[in-house]
Protein backbone atom coordinates (compact mmCIF):
# COMPACT_ATOMS: atom_id res chain seq x y z
CA UNK A 1 -7.81 -49.96 -35.35
CA UNK A 2 -8.48 -48.06 -32.39
CA UNK A 3 -8.95 -49.58 -29.31
CA UNK A 4 -11.81 -47.81 -27.92
CA UNK A 5 -11.42 -46.77 -24.08
CA UNK A 6 -14.50 -46.57 -21.96
CA UNK A 7 -14.54 -43.21 -19.99
CA UNK A 8 -12.43 -41.49 -22.48
CA UNK A 9 -14.80 -41.30 -25.58
CA UNK A 10 -18.16 -41.92 -26.14
CA UNK A 11 -19.75 -44.11 -28.34
CA UNK A 12 -21.56 -41.62 -30.82
CA UNK A 13 -17.63 -40.06 -31.02
CA UNK A 14 -16.45 -43.67 -31.80
CA UNK A 15 -19.05 -44.54 -34.38
CA UNK A 16 -18.51 -41.09 -35.88
CA UNK A 17 -14.89 -41.54 -36.21
CA UNK A 18 -15.35 -45.31 -37.87
CA UNK A 19 -17.68 -43.39 -40.56
CA UNK A 20 -14.99 -40.73 -40.92
CA UNK A 21 -12.09 -42.85 -41.99
CA UNK A 22 -14.35 -45.39 -43.79
CA UNK A 23 -14.83 -42.65 -46.12
CA UNK A 24 -11.40 -41.38 -46.31
CA UNK A 25 -10.51 -45.01 -46.74
CA UNK A 26 -13.07 -45.04 -50.03
CA UNK A 27 -11.62 -42.08 -50.95
CA UNK A 28 -8.04 -43.36 -51.15
CA UNK A 29 -9.45 -46.24 -53.38
CA UNK A 30 -11.58 -44.45 -55.75
CA UNK A 31 -10.11 -41.90 -57.91
CA UNK A 32 -13.52 -41.32 -60.08
CA UNK A 33 -15.82 -38.95 -57.85
CA UNK A 34 -18.83 -40.25 -58.82
CA UNK A 35 -17.91 -43.81 -57.90
CA UNK A 36 -16.99 -42.55 -54.75
CA UNK A 37 -19.87 -40.90 -54.16
CA UNK A 38 -22.01 -44.06 -55.32
CA UNK A 39 -20.20 -45.58 -52.35
CA UNK A 40 -20.32 -42.93 -49.90
CA UNK A 41 -23.86 -42.83 -50.27
CA UNK A 42 -23.97 -46.91 -49.39
CA UNK A 43 -22.03 -46.37 -46.58
CA UNK A 44 -24.10 -43.89 -45.29
CA UNK A 45 -26.79 -45.87 -46.20
CA UNK A 46 -25.02 -49.16 -43.89
CA UNK A 47 -24.77 -46.64 -40.77
CA UNK A 48 -28.28 -45.32 -40.96
CA UNK A 49 -29.55 -48.78 -41.26
CA UNK A 50 -28.39 -49.52 -37.71
CA UNK A 51 -28.66 -45.96 -36.15
CA UNK A 52 -31.34 -47.45 -33.82
CA UNK A 53 -30.25 -50.88 -32.40
CA UNK A 54 -29.36 -51.53 -28.87
CA UNK A 55 -26.02 -50.90 -26.87
CA UNK A 56 -24.89 -54.54 -26.93
CA UNK A 57 -25.40 -54.51 -30.58
CA UNK A 58 -24.53 -51.42 -31.63
CA UNK A 59 -20.74 -51.91 -29.47
CA UNK A 60 -20.80 -55.22 -31.42
CA UNK A 61 -21.24 -53.54 -35.24
CA UNK A 62 -18.91 -50.94 -34.00
CA UNK A 63 -16.10 -53.52 -33.54
CA UNK A 64 -17.05 -55.58 -36.72
CA UNK A 65 -16.92 -52.05 -38.47
CA UNK A 66 -13.42 -51.03 -37.12
CA UNK A 67 -12.54 -54.71 -37.99
CA UNK A 68 -13.77 -54.16 -41.35
CA UNK A 69 -11.64 -50.84 -42.27
CA UNK A 70 -8.66 -52.30 -40.63
CA UNK A 71 -9.11 -55.23 -43.37
CA UNK A 72 -9.67 -52.84 -46.38
CA UNK A 73 -7.64 -50.02 -45.75
CA UNK A 74 -5.86 -48.97 -48.69
CA UNK A 75 -1.81 -49.69 -49.16
CA UNK A 76 -1.50 -46.15 -49.87
CA UNK A 77 -3.56 -43.71 -48.22
CA UNK A 78 -3.95 -40.61 -49.52
CA UNK A 79 -3.17 -37.56 -46.97
CA UNK A 80 -3.65 -33.95 -46.99
CA UNK A 81 -0.05 -32.22 -47.50
CA UNK A 82 -0.03 -30.62 -44.35
CA UNK A 83 -1.56 -33.62 -41.87
CA UNK A 84 1.01 -35.65 -39.83
CA UNK A 85 2.48 -38.15 -42.61
CA UNK A 86 2.07 -35.64 -45.75
CA UNK A 87 4.56 -34.02 -48.05
CA UNK A 88 4.17 -30.91 -46.52
CA UNK A 89 3.76 -31.85 -42.64
CA UNK A 90 5.45 -29.50 -40.33
CA UNK A 91 7.39 -27.94 -43.79
CA UNK A 92 6.51 -23.92 -42.48
CA UNK A 93 9.32 -22.62 -40.13
CA UNK A 94 8.07 -19.68 -38.03
CA UNK A 95 11.16 -17.74 -37.38
CA UNK A 96 11.00 -17.00 -33.59
CA UNK A 97 10.65 -13.36 -32.23
CA UNK A 98 13.64 -12.32 -31.92
CA UNK A 99 14.54 -11.79 -35.65
CA UNK A 100 12.46 -8.46 -35.46
CA UNK A 101 14.87 -7.03 -33.36
CA UNK A 102 17.18 -7.14 -36.80
CA UNK A 103 14.91 -5.74 -38.83
CA UNK A 104 16.10 -2.30 -40.86
CA UNK A 105 14.58 0.74 -38.70
CA UNK A 106 12.90 1.51 -42.63
CA UNK A 107 11.34 -1.90 -42.16
CA UNK A 108 10.07 -1.42 -39.14
CA UNK A 109 9.14 2.24 -40.16
CA UNK A 110 6.29 0.83 -42.10
CA UNK A 111 4.62 -0.73 -39.16
CA UNK A 112 5.17 1.93 -36.07
CA UNK A 113 2.17 0.80 -34.34
CA UNK A 114 3.19 -2.61 -33.94
CA UNK A 115 6.61 -2.05 -33.22
CA UNK A 116 5.50 0.51 -30.41
CA UNK A 117 4.02 -1.85 -28.81
CA UNK A 118 6.30 -4.51 -28.72
CA UNK A 119 9.15 -2.32 -27.31
CA UNK A 120 6.41 -1.28 -24.51
CA UNK A 121 6.11 -5.20 -24.30
CA UNK A 122 9.69 -5.76 -23.97
CA UNK A 123 9.86 -2.94 -21.35
CA UNK A 124 7.45 -4.85 -19.18
CA UNK A 125 8.85 -8.43 -19.50
CA UNK A 126 12.22 -6.48 -18.49
CA UNK A 127 10.93 -4.86 -15.41
CA UNK A 128 8.88 -8.27 -14.51
CA UNK A 129 12.08 -10.58 -15.17
CA UNK A 130 14.37 -8.22 -12.41
CA UNK A 131 11.34 -7.96 -10.18
CA UNK A 132 11.03 -11.64 -10.43
CA UNK A 133 14.90 -12.81 -10.65
CA UNK A 134 17.20 -9.25 -9.75
CA UNK A 135 19.34 -6.90 -11.77
CA UNK A 136 21.81 -9.08 -13.52
CA UNK A 137 25.40 -8.25 -11.40
CA UNK A 138 27.83 -5.56 -13.41
CA UNK A 139 30.52 -8.41 -13.91
CA UNK A 140 28.66 -10.98 -15.19
CA UNK A 141 26.87 -8.73 -17.90
CA UNK A 142 30.81 -8.00 -19.08
CA UNK A 143 31.76 -11.57 -19.28
C-alpha cells in the first residue's frame, strides 16, 4: 500500500497508479481471459462513476481503493520476467568496454567504422586525462 505524499505526486497520478495495480491484481486472480476482461470492465466502470466528484470525496475514495487493493492482493502475484521480483530480473550481463580490446583483429575488421571511432575516442580520453591530471611518471609505469 503506497502512502500518498503531498506535492510529490498529483491526485490524478495516484488514481492512475491505483487503477493499474488493481488491474494487475485482477490479472493475477483470473487465468481465463474472458473472466479477467469482464472484471476489468467492471473495475473501469467503478472508476468512471467516481470521475467527477469533489476533492474531499476523491481523496476518501482513493484511500478506500488503496485499502481494497491491499486487502484483495494475490498471495503470489504475477510478475514480468524482467521486472523487479521476476525470474529474469538483472540476469542480462552487460560486458565492460575493455572486453573489446581483446577481440581478435579479424573480429575487429568486421566493424571497421566502429573500431576506428573507438580508437579515436580512446586517444581523446587519454589526451583529456593527461591534461586534467598530468602524464604518469616513468618509474610508475614500470612497477
